[in-house]
Amino acid sequence: MKFSSLSDTLRCELQTRLMFMDGGMGTMIQMLELEEEDFRGEQFKDHPCPLGGNNDALSITQPHLIKQIHKEYLQAGADFISTNTFNSTSIAMGDYQMENMIYQLNRASARVAVEAAEEVSLETGIQRYVIGVLGPTNKTLSLSPSVENPAFRNITFDEMAVSYTEQADALLDGGVHILMVETIFDTLNAKAALFAVDELLGTDKYRHRDIPIFVSGTVVDLSGRTLSGQTVEAMVTSLQHFKPLCMGLNCALGATEMRQFIRELGEFCDTFVSCYPNAGLPNAFGGYDDTPGEMAEILEEWAASGLVNILGGCCGTTPHTLLPLWMLHG
């Protein structure tokens, strides 16, 4: 059967089977125990400030490492991999004095992921997809950074939209198949991102490309609210008029704690549902304790109950963590 668009293809697949996202990129990078010089590479050896911890820069300085991480997830069974661009906006990159490198960072990350997906698709005969990630930034439109002045904002909606437009354009130039606004802690930030994407896809450059949109929020604790105070229902109501193909939750909580909120999201939204939880709650040492078997058992129950259409992992997860679940559906 032939489909007229990627959105139609994904709708058909999601109606007939469970699909899988990758797991934590940061987790995998942390395991490499890289040094400052690794982050700098030759390209940024004279950069004026430290780059250690700037994972997104590795798509330029160590692309072979990022590509290998992508391939490990794909070879384990992921249908979707996410670009290494969680912080690749001019807003977030201000911390590293790299605001002028946004196009290069995003396009490089997209190309590395697309190459990995194409190679594994060819090897296995199974189509794999690349999600261009638009992270939440390190600023918020809904809350003041000043306790003394609750009305103060350190960024405007228009400024944030411009930053997201720049990121999305570079990701699309790099060949991603899907765009995802993820780890949403402030729905107004997400609206700026989705507005930017909507405007960009309406331009002559992209008008004839079908780019599915995914949205994934994060509830910060067992209250089930985002950092800016919205419930899951309110978040869905605020964002689903942008007509994403899929809405979901990620990060902050482990699978056990996330279940009630992903069930609520499914009741309120009219889209496909995704979830990629952490490997449990952080322990005293900042690690995550859920074993692959424990996580697979919980997520398999979700799948059997029809709660989700797409499953993956966030902080603390690796290909090894998710492999038992993928093998059940391989």
C-alpha atoms as a PDB file:
ATOM      1  CA  MET A   1       0.000   0.000   0.000  1.00  0.00           C
ATOM      2  CA  LYS A   2       1.317   3.432  -0.919  1.00  0.00           C
ATOM      3  CA  PHE A   3       0.719   6.506   1.210  1.00  0.00           C
ATOM      4  CA  SER A   4       0.596  10.094   0.102  1.00  0.00           C
ATOM      5  CA  SER A   5       2.605  11.449   3.025  1.00  0.00           C
ATOM      6  CA  LEU A   6       4.840  10.530   5.926  1.00  0.00           C
ATOM      7  CA  SER A   7       2.021  11.446   8.308  1.00  0.00           C
ATOM      8  CA  ASP A   8      -0.238   8.893   6.599  1.00  0.00           C
ATOM      9  CA  THR A   9       2.500   6.256   6.791  1.00  0.00           C
ATOM     10  CA  LEU A  10       3.005   6.830  10.505  1.00  0.00           C
ATOM     11  CA  ARG A  11      -0.733   6.871  11.203  1.00  0.00           C
ATOM     12  CA  CYS A  12      -1.047   3.464   9.569  1.00  0.00           C
ATOM     13  CA  GLU A  13       1.886   2.030  11.530  1.00  0.00           C
ATOM     14  CA  LEU A  14       0.727   3.493  14.836  1.00  0.00           C
ATOM     15  CA  GLN A  15      -2.749   2.077  14.331  1.00  0.00           C
ATOM     16  CA  THR A  16      -1.346  -1.411  13.847  1.00  0.00           C
ATOM     17  CA  ARG A  17       1.672  -1.724  16.145  1.00  0.00           C
ATOM     18  CA  LEU A  18       3.594  -0.248  19.047  1.00  0.00           C
ATOM     19  CA  MET A  19       6.523   1.883  17.883  1.00  0.00           C
ATOM     20  CA  PHE A  20       9.683   2.719  19.784  1.00  0.00           C
ATOM     21  CA  MET A  21      11.780   5.785  20.430  1.00  0.00           C
ATOM     22  CA  ASP A  22      15.384   5.751  21.581  1.00  0.00           C
ATOM     23  CA  GLY A  23      16.573   6.390  25.130  1.00  0.00           C
ATOM     24  CA  GLY A  24      18.812   8.887  26.872  1.00  0.00           C
ATOM     25  CA  MET A  25      21.452  10.624  24.768  1.00  0.00           C
ATOM     26  CA  GLY A  26      22.936  12.409  27.766  1.00  0.00           C
ATOM     27  CA  THR A  27      23.149   9.131  29.669  1.00  0.00           C
ATOM     28  CA  MET A  28      25.172   7.551  26.888  1.00  0.00           C
ATOM     29  CA  ILE A  29      27.466  10.575  26.551  1.00  0.00           C
ATOM     30  CA  GLN A  30      28.076  10.649  30.312  1.00  0.00           C
ATOM     31  CA  MET A  31      29.233   7.028  30.166  1.00  0.00           C
ATOM     32  CA  LEU A  32      32.003   8.054  27.742  1.00  0.00           C
ATOM     33  CA  GLU A  33      33.666  10.171  30.477  1.00  0.00           C
ATOM     34  CA  LEU A  34      34.780  12.843  28.033  1.00  0.00           C
ATOM     35  CA  GLU A  35      37.169  15.662  28.910  1.00  0.00           C
ATOM     36  CA  GLU A  36      37.119  19.366  28.045  1.00  0.00           C
ATOM     37  CA  GLU A  37      39.394  18.727  25.059  1.00  0.00           C
ATOM     38  CA  ASP A  38      36.905  16.210  23.633  1.00  0.00           C
ATOM     39  CA  PHE A  39      34.116  18.777  23.671  1.00  0.00           C
ATOM     40  CA  ARG A  40      36.341  21.426  22.089  1.00  0.00           C
ATOM     41  CA  GLY A  41      37.879  19.302  19.343  1.00  0.00           C
ATOM     42  CA  GLU A  42      39.843  21.109  16.679  1.00  0.00           C
ATOM     43  CA  GLN A  43      36.855  23.224  15.729  1.00  0.00           C
ATOM     44  CA  PHE A  44      36.549  24.992  19.086  1.00  0.00           C
ATOM     45  CA  LYS A  45      40.052  24.633  20.541  1.00  0.00           C
ATOM     46  CA  ASP A  46      40.320  28.419  20.984  1.00  0.00           C
ATOM     47  CA  HIS A  47      36.760  29.016  22.184  1.00  0.00           C
ATOM     48  CA  PRO A  48      36.725  31.697  24.919  1.00  0.00           C
ATOM     49  CA  CYS A  49      34.778  29.752  27.546  1.00  0.00           C
ATOM     50  CA  PRO A  50      34.633  26.140  28.809  1.00  0.00           C
ATOM     51  CA  LEU A  51      32.612  23.685  26.673  1.00  0.00           C
ATOM     52  CA  GLY A  52      32.655  20.679  28.972  1.00  0.00           C
ATOM     53  CA  GLY A  53      29.098  19.389  29.318  1.00  0.00           C
ATOM     54  CA  ASN A  54      27.936  20.974  26.071  1.00  0.00           C
ATOM     55  CA  ASN A  55      26.729  17.672  24.645  1.00  0.00           C
ATOM     56  CA  ASP A  56      25.235  19.263  21.548  1.00  0.00           C
ATOM     57  CA  ALA A  57      28.665  20.501  20.435  1.00  0.00           C
ATOM     58  CA  LEU A  58      29.797  16.884  20.105  1.00  0.00           C
ATOM     59  CA  SER A  59      27.786  16.572  16.899  1.00  0.00           C
ATOM     60  CA  ILE A  60      30.448  18.861  15.407  1.00  0.00           C
ATOM     61  CA  THR A  61      33.562  17.893  17.361  1.00  0.00           C
ATOM     62  CA  GLN A  62      32.949  14.146  17.850  1.00  0.00           C
ATOM     63  CA  PRO A  63      30.302  13.166  15.285  1.00  0.00           C
ATOM     64  CA  HIS A  64      31.475   9.548  15.195  1.00  0.00           C
ATOM     65  CA  LEU A  65      30.579   9.143  18.883  1.00  0.00           C
ATOM     66  CA  ILE A  66      27.098  10.594  18.444  1.00  0.00           C
ATOM     67  CA  LYS A  67      26.508   8.493  15.344  1.00  0.00           C
ATOM     68  CA  GLN A  68      27.546   5.358  17.212  1.00  0.00           C
ATOM     69  CA  ILE A  69      25.068   6.120  20.007  1.00  0.00           C
ATOM     70  CA  HIS A  70      22.299   6.566  17.448  1.00  0.00           C
ATOM     71  CA  LYS A  71      23.206   3.278  15.778  1.00  0.00           C
ATOM     72  CA  GLU A  72      23.227   1.400  19.077  1.00  0.00           C
ATOM     73  CA  TYR A  73      19.644   2.462  19.710  1.00  0.00           C
ATOM     74  CA  LEU A  74      18.597   1.685  16.151  1.00  0.00           C
ATOM     75  CA  GLN A  75      20.237  -1.728  16.172  1.00  0.00           C
ATOM     76  CA  ALA A  76      18.525  -2.508  19.473  1.00  0.00           C
ATOM     77  CA  GLY A  77      15.126  -1.814  17.878  1.00  0.00           C
ATOM     78  CA  ALA A  78      14.274   1.891  17.944  1.00  0.00           C
ATOM     79  CA  ASP A  79      11.985   3.109  15.152  1.00  0.00           C
ATOM     80  CA  PHE A  80      12.741   6.747  15.993  1.00  0.00           C
ATOM     81  CA  ILE A  81      15.971   8.410  17.049  1.00  0.00           C
ATOM     82  CA  SER A  82      16.172  11.977  18.342  1.00  0.00           C
ATOM     83  CA  THR A  83      18.739  14.538  17.287  1.00  0.00           C
ATOM     84  CA  ASN A  84      21.379  15.658  19.767  1.00  0.00           C
ATOM     85  CA  THR A  85      19.905  19.174  19.898  1.00  0.00           C
ATOM     86  CA  PHE A  86      18.186  19.492  23.276  1.00  0.00           C
ATOM     87  CA  ASN A  87      20.032  22.755  23.991  1.00  0.00           C
ATOM     88  CA  SER A  88      20.703  23.931  20.439  1.00  0.00           C
ATOM     89  CA  THR A  89      18.818  27.220  20.529  1.00  0.00           C
ATOM     90  CA  SER A  90      20.474  30.616  20.635  1.00  0.00           C
ATOM     91  CA  ILE A  91      18.836  31.048  24.048  1.00  0.00           C
ATOM     92  CA  ALA A  92      20.361  27.968  25.682  1.00  0.00           C
ATOM     93  CA  MET A  93      23.672  28.244  23.848  1.00  0.00           C
ATOM     94  CA  GLY A  94      24.193  31.674  25.371  1.00  0.00           C
ATOM     95  CA  ASP A  95      25.660  29.825  28.369  1.00  0.00           C
ATOM     96  CA  TYR A  96      28.516  28.678  26.122  1.00  0.00           C
ATOM     97  CA  GLN A  97      28.863  31.840  24.014  1.00  0.00           C
ATOM     98  CA  MET A  98      27.799  29.831  20.949  1.00  0.00           C
ATOM     99  CA  GLU A  99      24.717  31.798  19.878  1.00  0.00           C
ATOM    100  CA  ASN A 100      26.253  32.260  16.425  1.00  0.00           C
ATOM    101  CA  MET A 101      26.617  28.508  15.858  1.00  0.00           C
ATOM    102  CA  ILE A 102      22.961  27.491  15.922  1.00  0.00           C
ATOM    103  CA  TYR A 103      22.619  26.587  12.249  1.00  0.00           C
ATOM    104  CA  GLN A 104      25.836  24.560  12.275  1.00  0.00           C
ATOM    105  CA  LEU A 105      24.966  22.722  15.506  1.00  0.00           C
ATOM    106  CA  ASN A 106      21.484  21.716  14.405  1.00  0.00           C
ATOM    107  CA  ARG A 107      22.341  20.805  10.846  1.00  0.00           C
ATOM    108  CA  ALA A 108      25.330  18.738  11.962  1.00  0.00           C
ATOM    109  CA  SER A 109      23.215  16.883  14.531  1.00  0.00           C
ATOM    110  CA  ALA A 110      20.510  16.238  11.959  1.00  0.00           C
ATOM    111  CA  ARG A 111      22.986  14.919   9.378  1.00  0.00           C
ATOM    112  CA  VAL A 112      24.646  12.554  11.880  1.00  0.00           C
ATOM    113  CA  ALA A 113      21.267  11.121  12.912  1.00  0.00           C
ATOM    114  CA  VAL A 114      19.975  10.839   9.342  1.00  0.00           C
ATOM    115  CA  GLU A 115      23.124   9.018   8.240  1.00  0.00           C
ATOM    116  CA  ALA A 116      22.756   6.541  11.112  1.00  0.00           C
ATOM    117  CA  ALA A 117      19.063   5.972  10.353  1.00  0.00           C
ATOM    118  CA  GLU A 118      19.684   5.491   6.640  1.00  0.00           C
ATOM    119  CA  GLU A 119      22.487   2.990   7.252  1.00  0.00           C
ATOM    120  CA  VAL A 120      20.460   0.873   9.682  1.00  0.00           C
ATOM    121  CA  SER A 121      17.347   1.108   7.485  1.00  0.00           C
ATOM    122  CA  LEU A 122      19.407  -0.270   4.603  1.00  0.00           C
ATOM    123  CA  GLU A 123      20.908  -3.018   6.765  1.00  0.00           C
ATOM    124  CA  THR A 124      17.597  -4.194   8.218  1.00  0.00           C
ATOM    125  CA  GLY A 125      15.074  -3.327   5.520  1.00  0.00           C
ATOM    126  CA  ILE A 126      13.002  -1.511   8.168  1.00  0.00           C
ATOM    127  CA  GLN A 127      12.428   2.219   7.767  1.00  0.00           C
ATOM    128  CA  ARG A 128      13.768   4.300  10.659  1.00  0.00           C
ATOM    129  CA  TYR A 129      12.916   7.932  11.331  1.00  0.00           C
ATOM    130  CA  VAL A 130      14.767  10.930  12.724  1.00  0.00           C
ATOM    131  CA  ILE A 131      13.055  13.318  15.126  1.00  0.00           C
ATOM    132  CA  GLY A 132      14.423  16.850  15.222  1.00  0.00           C
ATOM    133  CA  VAL A 133      14.383  17.851  18.885  1.00  0.00           C
ATOM    134  CA  LEU A 134      13.393  21.342  20.045  1.00  0.00           C
ATOM    135  CA  GLY A 135      14.157  21.477  23.759  1.00  0.00           C
ATOM    136  CA  PRO A 136      12.556  23.728  26.378  1.00  0.00           C
ATOM    137  CA  THR A 137      15.409  26.314  26.645  1.00  0.00           C
ATOM    138  CA  ASN A 138      16.731  27.587  29.986  1.00  0.00           C
ATOM    139  CA  LYS A 139      14.265  30.480  30.178  1.00  0.00           C
ATOM    140  CA  THR A 140      10.547  30.618  30.834  1.00  0.00           C
ATOM    141  CA  LEU A 141       7.871  32.919  29.485  1.00  0.00           C
ATOM    142  CA  SER A 142       5.374  32.172  32.250  1.00  0.00           C
ATOM    143  CA  LEU A 143       7.495  32.754  35.336  1.00  0.00           C
ATOM    144  CA  SER A 144       9.705  35.570  36.552  1.00  0.00           C
ATOM    145  CA  PRO A 145      13.360  34.832  37.305  1.00  0.00           C
ATOM    146  CA  SER A 146      13.181  37.582  39.937  1.00  0.00           C
ATOM    147  CA  VAL A 147      11.551  36.920  43.288  1.00  0.00           C
ATOM    148  CA  GLU A 148      11.395  40.671  43.885  1.00  0.00           C
ATOM    149  CA  ASN A 149       9.567  41.384  40.618  1.00  0.00           C
ATOM    150  CA  PRO A 150       6.996  38.719  39.666  1.00  0.00           C
ATOM    151  CA  ALA A 151       6.015  40.649  36.522  1.00  0.00           C
ATOM    152  CA  PHE A 152       9.551  40.648  35.122  1.00  0.00           C
ATOM    153  CA  ARG A 153      10.437  38.422  32.147  1.00  0.00           C
ATOM    154  CA  ASN A 154      13.937  38.024  30.725  1.00  0.00           C
ATOM    155  CA  ILE A 155      12.702  37.063  27.257  1.00  0.00           C
ATOM    156  CA  THR A 156       9.698  37.818  25.046  1.00  0.00           C
ATOM    157  CA  PHE A 157       7.445  35.456  23.118  1.00  0.00           C
ATOM    158  CA  ASP A 158       8.705  36.878  19.817  1.00  0.00           C
ATOM    159  CA  GLU A 159      12.341  36.425  20.799  1.00  0.00           C
ATOM    160  CA  MET A 160      11.731  32.833  21.741  1.00  0.00           C
ATOM    161  CA  ALA A 161       9.828  32.167  18.513  1.00  0.00           C
ATOM    162  CA  VAL A 162      12.710  33.585  16.464  1.00  0.00           C
ATOM    163  CA  SER A 163      15.151  31.300  18.289  1.00  0.00           C
ATOM    164  CA  TYR A 164      13.004  28.236  17.626  1.00  0.00           C
ATOM    165  CA  THR A 165      12.565  29.205  13.963  1.00  0.00           C
ATOM    166  CA  GLU A 166      16.328  29.273  13.553  1.00  0.00           C
ATOM    167  CA  GLN A 167      16.661  25.850  15.141  1.00  0.00           C
ATOM    168  CA  ALA A 168      13.811  24.212  13.228  1.00  0.00           C
ATOM    169  CA  ASP A 169      15.038  25.557   9.891  1.00  0.00           C
ATOM    170  CA  ALA A 170      18.495  24.060  10.418  1.00  0.00           C
ATOM    171  CA  LEU A 171      17.069  20.714  11.532  1.00  0.00           C
ATOM    172  CA  LEU A 172      14.881  20.524   8.439  1.00  0.00           C
ATOM    173  CA  ASP A 173      17.820  21.495   6.218  1.00  0.00           C
ATOM    174  CA  GLY A 174      19.668  18.585   7.796  1.00  0.00           C
ATOM    175  CA  GLY A 175      16.952  16.165   6.693  1.00  0.00           C
ATOM    176  CA  VAL A 176      14.970  15.266   9.825  1.00  0.00           C
ATOM    177  CA  HIS A 177      11.623  13.578   9.197  1.00  0.00           C
ATOM    178  CA  ILE A 178       9.731  14.853  12.248  1.00  0.00           C
ATOM    179  CA  LEU A 179       9.922  17.836  14.597  1.00  0.00           C
ATOM    180  CA  MET A 180       9.271  17.404  18.306  1.00  0.00           C
ATOM    181  CA  VAL A 181       8.835  20.050  20.991  1.00  0.00           C
ATOM    182  CA  GLU A 182       9.845  18.124  24.088  1.00  0.00           C
ATOM    183  CA  THR A 183      10.308  18.234  27.862  1.00  0.00           C
ATOM    184  CA  ILE A 184       7.774  21.057  28.045  1.00  0.00           C
ATOM    185  CA  PHE A 185       7.828  22.604  31.523  1.00  0.00           C
ATOM    186  CA  ASP A 186       6.204  25.860  30.376  1.00  0.00           C
ATOM    187  CA  THR A 187       3.371  25.641  27.878  1.00  0.00           C
ATOM    188  CA  LEU A 188       3.935  29.223  26.752  1.00  0.00           C
ATOM    189  CA  ASN A 189       7.474  28.272  25.680  1.00  0.00           C
ATOM    190  CA  ALA A 190       5.971  25.371  23.768  1.00  0.00           C
ATOM    191  CA  LYS A 191       3.459  27.677  22.108  1.00  0.00           C
ATOM    192  CA  ALA A 192       6.330  29.860  20.914  1.00  0.00           C
ATOM    193  CA  ALA A 193       8.044  26.784  19.475  1.00  0.00           C
ATOM    194  CA  LEU A 194       4.912  25.435  17.799  1.00  0.00           C
ATOM    195  CA  PHE A 195       3.991  28.881  16.463  1.00  0.00           C
ATOM    196  CA  ALA A 196       7.498  29.162  14.998  1.00  0.00           C
ATOM    197  CA  VAL A 197       7.266  25.722  13.396  1.00  0.00           C
ATOM    198  CA  ASP A 198       3.799  26.416  12.019  1.00  0.00           C
ATOM    199  CA  GLU A 199       4.961  29.682  10.453  1.00  0.00           C
ATOM    200  CA  LEU A 200       8.104  28.051   9.042  1.00  0.00           C
ATOM    201  CA  LEU A 201       6.224  25.147   7.473  1.00  0.00           C
ATOM    202  CA  GLY A 202       3.924  27.633   5.787  1.00  0.00           C
ATOM    203  CA  THR A 203       6.763  29.279   3.869  1.00  0.00           C
ATOM    204  CA  ASP A 204       7.560  28.494   0.239  1.00  0.00           C
ATOM    205  CA  LYS A 205      10.656  26.600   1.349  1.00  0.00           C
ATOM    206  CA  TYR A 206       8.700  23.954   3.266  1.00  0.00           C
ATOM    207  CA  ARG A 207       5.096  24.265   2.116  1.00  0.00           C
ATOM    208  CA  HIS A 208       5.315  21.085   0.057  1.00  0.00           C
ATOM    209  CA  ARG A 209       7.069  18.969   2.709  1.00  0.00           C
ATOM    210  CA  ASP A 210       4.999  16.894   5.099  1.00  0.00           C
ATOM    211  CA  ILE A 211       6.602  17.236   8.535  1.00  0.00           C
ATOM    212  CA  PRO A 212       4.721  15.480  11.357  1.00  0.00           C
ATOM    213  CA  ILE A 213       4.834  17.248  14.716  1.00  0.00           C
ATOM    214  CA  PHE A 214       5.250  15.534  18.089  1.00  0.00           C
ATOM    215  CA  VAL A 215       4.726  17.255  21.458  1.00  0.00           C
ATOM    216  CA  SER A 216       5.962  15.956  24.819  1.00  0.00           C
ATOM    217  CA  GLY A 217       5.471  17.627  28.178  1.00  0.00           C
ATOM    218  CA  THR A 218       6.961  16.949  31.576  1.00  0.00           C
ATOM    219  CA  VAL A 219       5.235  16.906  34.952  1.00  0.00           C
ATOM    220  CA  VAL A 220       7.712  17.832  37.633  1.00  0.00           C
ATOM    221  CA  ASP A 221       6.357  15.789  40.557  1.00  0.00           C
ATOM    222  CA  LEU A 222       3.462  13.644  41.725  1.00  0.00           C
ATOM    223  CA  SER A 223       1.117  16.631  41.683  1.00  0.00           C
ATOM    224  CA  GLY A 224       0.957  16.008  37.923  1.00  0.00           C
ATOM    225  CA  ARG A 225       1.679  19.623  37.043  1.00  0.00           C
ATOM    226  CA  THR A 226       4.251  21.265  34.827  1.00  0.00           C
ATOM    227  CA  LEU A 227       6.748  23.704  36.362  1.00  0.00           C
ATOM    228  CA  SER A 228       4.498  26.582  35.297  1.00  0.00           C
ATOM    229  CA  GLY A 229       1.577  24.987  37.146  1.00  0.00           C
ATOM    230  CA  GLN A 230      -0.565  23.385  34.449  1.00  0.00           C
ATOM    231  CA  THR A 231      -2.214  20.016  34.805  1.00  0.00           C
ATOM    232  CA  VAL A 232      -1.929  17.451  32.033  1.00  0.00           C
ATOM    233  CA  GLU A 233      -5.447  18.317  30.869  1.00  0.00           C
ATOM    234  CA  ALA A 234      -4.604  22.033  30.709  1.00  0.00           C
ATOM    235  CA  MET A 235      -1.407  21.346  28.779  1.00  0.00           C
ATOM    236  CA  VAL A 236      -3.269  19.249  26.209  1.00  0.00           C
ATOM    237  CA  THR A 237      -5.989  21.878  25.868  1.00  0.00           C
ATOM    238  CA  SER A 238      -3.378  24.602  25.393  1.00  0.00           C
ATOM    239  CA  LEU A 239      -1.476  22.821  22.633  1.00  0.00           C
ATOM    240  CA  GLN A 240      -3.564  20.374  20.648  1.00  0.00           C
ATOM    241  CA  HIS A 241      -4.977  23.092  18.368  1.00  0.00           C
ATOM    242  CA  PHE A 242      -1.546  22.990  16.696  1.00  0.00           C
ATOM    243  CA  LYS A 243      -2.666  19.518  15.504  1.00  0.00           C
ATOM    244  CA  PRO A 244       0.363  17.422  16.459  1.00  0.00           C
ATOM    245  CA  LEU A 245       0.374  13.828  15.277  1.00  0.00           C
ATOM    246  CA  CYS A 246       1.408  12.664  18.728  1.00  0.00           C
ATOM    247  CA  MET A 247       1.324  14.069  22.270  1.00  0.00           C
ATOM    248  CA  GLY A 248       3.007  12.598  25.299  1.00  0.00           C
ATOM    249  CA  LEU A 249       5.087  12.938  28.441  1.00  0.00           C
ATOM    250  CA  ASN A 250       8.752  12.442  29.195  1.00  0.00           C
ATOM    251  CA  CYS A 251      11.412  12.905  31.864  1.00  0.00           C
ATOM    252  CA  ALA A 252      11.024  13.916  35.560  1.00  0.00           C
ATOM    253  CA  LEU A 253       9.365  10.660  36.696  1.00  0.00           C
ATOM    254  CA  GLY A 254       9.950   6.940  36.368  1.00  0.00           C
ATOM    255  CA  ALA A 255       7.513   4.625  34.655  1.00  0.00           C
ATOM    256  CA  THR A 256       5.758   3.642  37.892  1.00  0.00           C
ATOM    257  CA  GLU A 257       5.029   7.254  38.816  1.00  0.00           C
ATOM    258  CA  MET A 258       4.205   8.306  35.251  1.00  0.00           C
ATOM    259  CA  ARG A 259       1.399   5.832  34.589  1.00  0.00           C
ATOM    260  CA  GLN A 260      -1.488   7.830  36.052  1.00  0.00           C
ATOM    261  CA  PHE A 261      -0.502  10.940  34.130  1.00  0.00           C
ATOM    262  CA  ILE A 262      -0.060   9.225  30.777  1.00  0.00           C
ATOM    263  CA  ARG A 263      -3.497   7.654  31.300  1.00  0.00           C
ATOM    264  CA  GLU A 264      -4.955  11.128  31.913  1.00  0.00           C
ATOM    265  CA  LEU A 265      -3.246  12.531  28.839  1.00  0.00           C
ATOM    266  CA  GLY A 266      -4.728   9.768  26.692  1.00  0.00           C
ATOM    267  CA  GLU A 267      -8.199  10.572  27.974  1.00  0.00           C
ATOM    268  CA  PHE A 268      -7.940  14.251  27.067  1.00  0.00           C
ATOM    269  CA  CYS A 269      -6.041  14.315  23.764  1.00  0.00           C
ATOM    270  CA  ASP A 270      -7.239  13.235  20.317  1.00  0.00           C
ATOM    271  CA  THR A 271      -3.789  12.273  19.040  1.00  0.00           C
ATOM    272  CA  PHE A 272      -1.504   9.273  19.265  1.00  0.00           C
ATOM    273  CA  VAL A 273       0.208   9.016  22.665  1.00  0.00           C
ATOM    274  CA  SER A 274       3.902   8.704  23.448  1.00  0.00           C
ATOM    275  CA  CYS A 275       5.856   8.331  26.651  1.00  0.00           C
ATOM    276  CA  TYR A 276       9.541   8.054  27.458  1.00  0.00           C
ATOM    277  CA  PRO A 277      10.041   8.027  31.235  1.00  0.00           C
ATOM    278  CA  ASN A 278      13.233   8.034  33.253  1.00  0.00           C
ATOM    279  CA  ALA A 279      14.691   4.806  34.616  1.00  0.00           C
ATOM    280  CA  GLY A 280      13.011   5.479  37.952  1.00  0.00           C
ATOM    281  CA  LEU A 281      13.462   8.468  40.229  1.00  0.00           C
ATOM    282  CA  PRO A 282      16.978   9.819  40.831  1.00  0.00           C
ATOM    283  CA  ASN A 283      18.778   8.218  43.769  1.00  0.00           C
ATOM    284  CA  ALA A 284      21.011   9.997  46.303  1.00  0.00           C
ATOM    285  CA  PHE A 285      23.934   9.862  43.873  1.00  0.00           C
ATOM    286  CA  GLY A 286      22.039  11.231  40.869  1.00  0.00           C
ATOM    287  CA  GLY A 287      21.720   7.811  39.253  1.00  0.00           C
ATOM    288  CA  TYR A 288      18.660   5.774  38.302  1.00  0.00           C
ATOM    289  CA  ASP A 289      17.836   2.389  39.793  1.00  0.00           C
ATOM    290  CA  ASP A 290      15.128   0.757  37.655  1.00  0.00           C
ATOM    291  CA  THR A 291      16.560  -2.352  36.002  1.00  0.00           C
ATOM    292  CA  PRO A 292      15.860  -3.206  32.344  1.00  0.00           C
ATOM    293  CA  GLY A 293      13.594  -6.028  33.463  1.00  0.00           C
ATOM    294  CA  GLU A 294      11.620  -3.842  35.851  1.00  0.00           C
ATOM    295  CA  MET A 295      11.161  -1.097  33.282  1.00  0.00           C
ATOM    296  CA  ALA A 296      10.145  -3.580  30.564  1.00  0.00           C
ATOM    297  CA  GLU A 297       7.531  -5.162  32.841  1.00  0.00           C
ATOM    298  CA  ILE A 298       5.942  -1.803  33.636  1.00  0.00           C
ATOM    299  CA  LEU A 299       5.966  -0.507  30.053  1.00  0.00           C
ATOM    300  CA  GLU A 300       4.689  -3.804  28.667  1.00  0.00           C
ATOM    301  CA  GLU A 301       1.640  -3.450  30.921  1.00  0.00           C
ATOM    302  CA  TRP A 302       1.097   0.032  29.476  1.00  0.00           C
ATOM    303  CA  ALA A 303       1.237  -1.389  25.973  1.00  0.00           C
ATOM    304  CA  ALA A 304      -1.132  -4.247  26.825  1.00  0.00           C
ATOM    305  CA  SER A 305      -3.567  -1.734  28.343  1.00  0.00           C
ATOM    306  CA  GLY A 306      -3.520   0.403  25.202  1.00  0.00           C
ATOM    307  CA  LEU A 307      -2.214   3.479  27.016  1.00  0.00           C
ATOM    308  CA  VAL A 308       0.472   4.368  24.497  1.00  0.00           C
ATOM    309  CA  ASN A 309       1.420   4.142  20.831  1.00  0.00           C
ATOM    310  CA  ILE A 310       5.098   5.066  21.160  1.00  0.00           C
ATOM    311  CA  LEU A 311       7.446   4.076  23.997  1.00  0.00           C
ATOM    312  CA  GLY A 312      11.029   5.006  24.753  1.00  0.00           C
ATOM    313  CA  GLY A 313      13.268   6.135  27.580  1.00  0.00           C
ATOM    314  CA  CYS A 314      14.673   9.357  28.972  1.00  0.00           C
ATOM    315  CA  CYS A 315      17.256  10.004  31.717  1.00  0.00           C
ATOM    316  CA  GLY A 316      19.125   6.938  32.914  1.00  0.00           C
ATOM    317  CA  THR A 317      18.068   4.728  30.000  1.00  0.00           C
ATOM    318  CA  THR A 318      20.339   3.064  27.442  1.00  0.00           C
ATOM    319  CA  PRO A 319      19.892   0.537  24.623  1.00  0.00           C
ATOM    320  CA  HIS A 320      20.480  -2.162  27.258  1.00  0.00           C
ATOM    321  CA  THR A 321      17.687  -0.705  29.413  1.00  0.00           C
ATOM    322  CA  LEU A 322      15.132  -0.773  26.629  1.00  0.00           C
ATOM    323  CA  LEU A 323      16.201  -3.929  24.780  1.00  0.00           C
ATOM    324  CA  PRO A 324      13.998  -6.348  26.826  1.00  0.00           C
ATOM    325  CA  LEU A 325      10.884  -4.349  25.905  1.00  0.00           C
ATOM    326  CA  TRP A 326      11.853  -4.069  22.254  1.00  0.00           C
ATOM    327  CA  MET A 327      12.545  -7.830  22.087  1.00  0.00           C
ATOM    328  CA  LEU A 328       8.982  -8.537  23.236  1.00  0.00           C
ATOM    329  CA  HIS A 329       7.712  -6.707  20.153  1.00  0.00           C
ATOM    330  CA  GLY A 330      10.543  -7.451  17.719  1.00  0.00           C
END
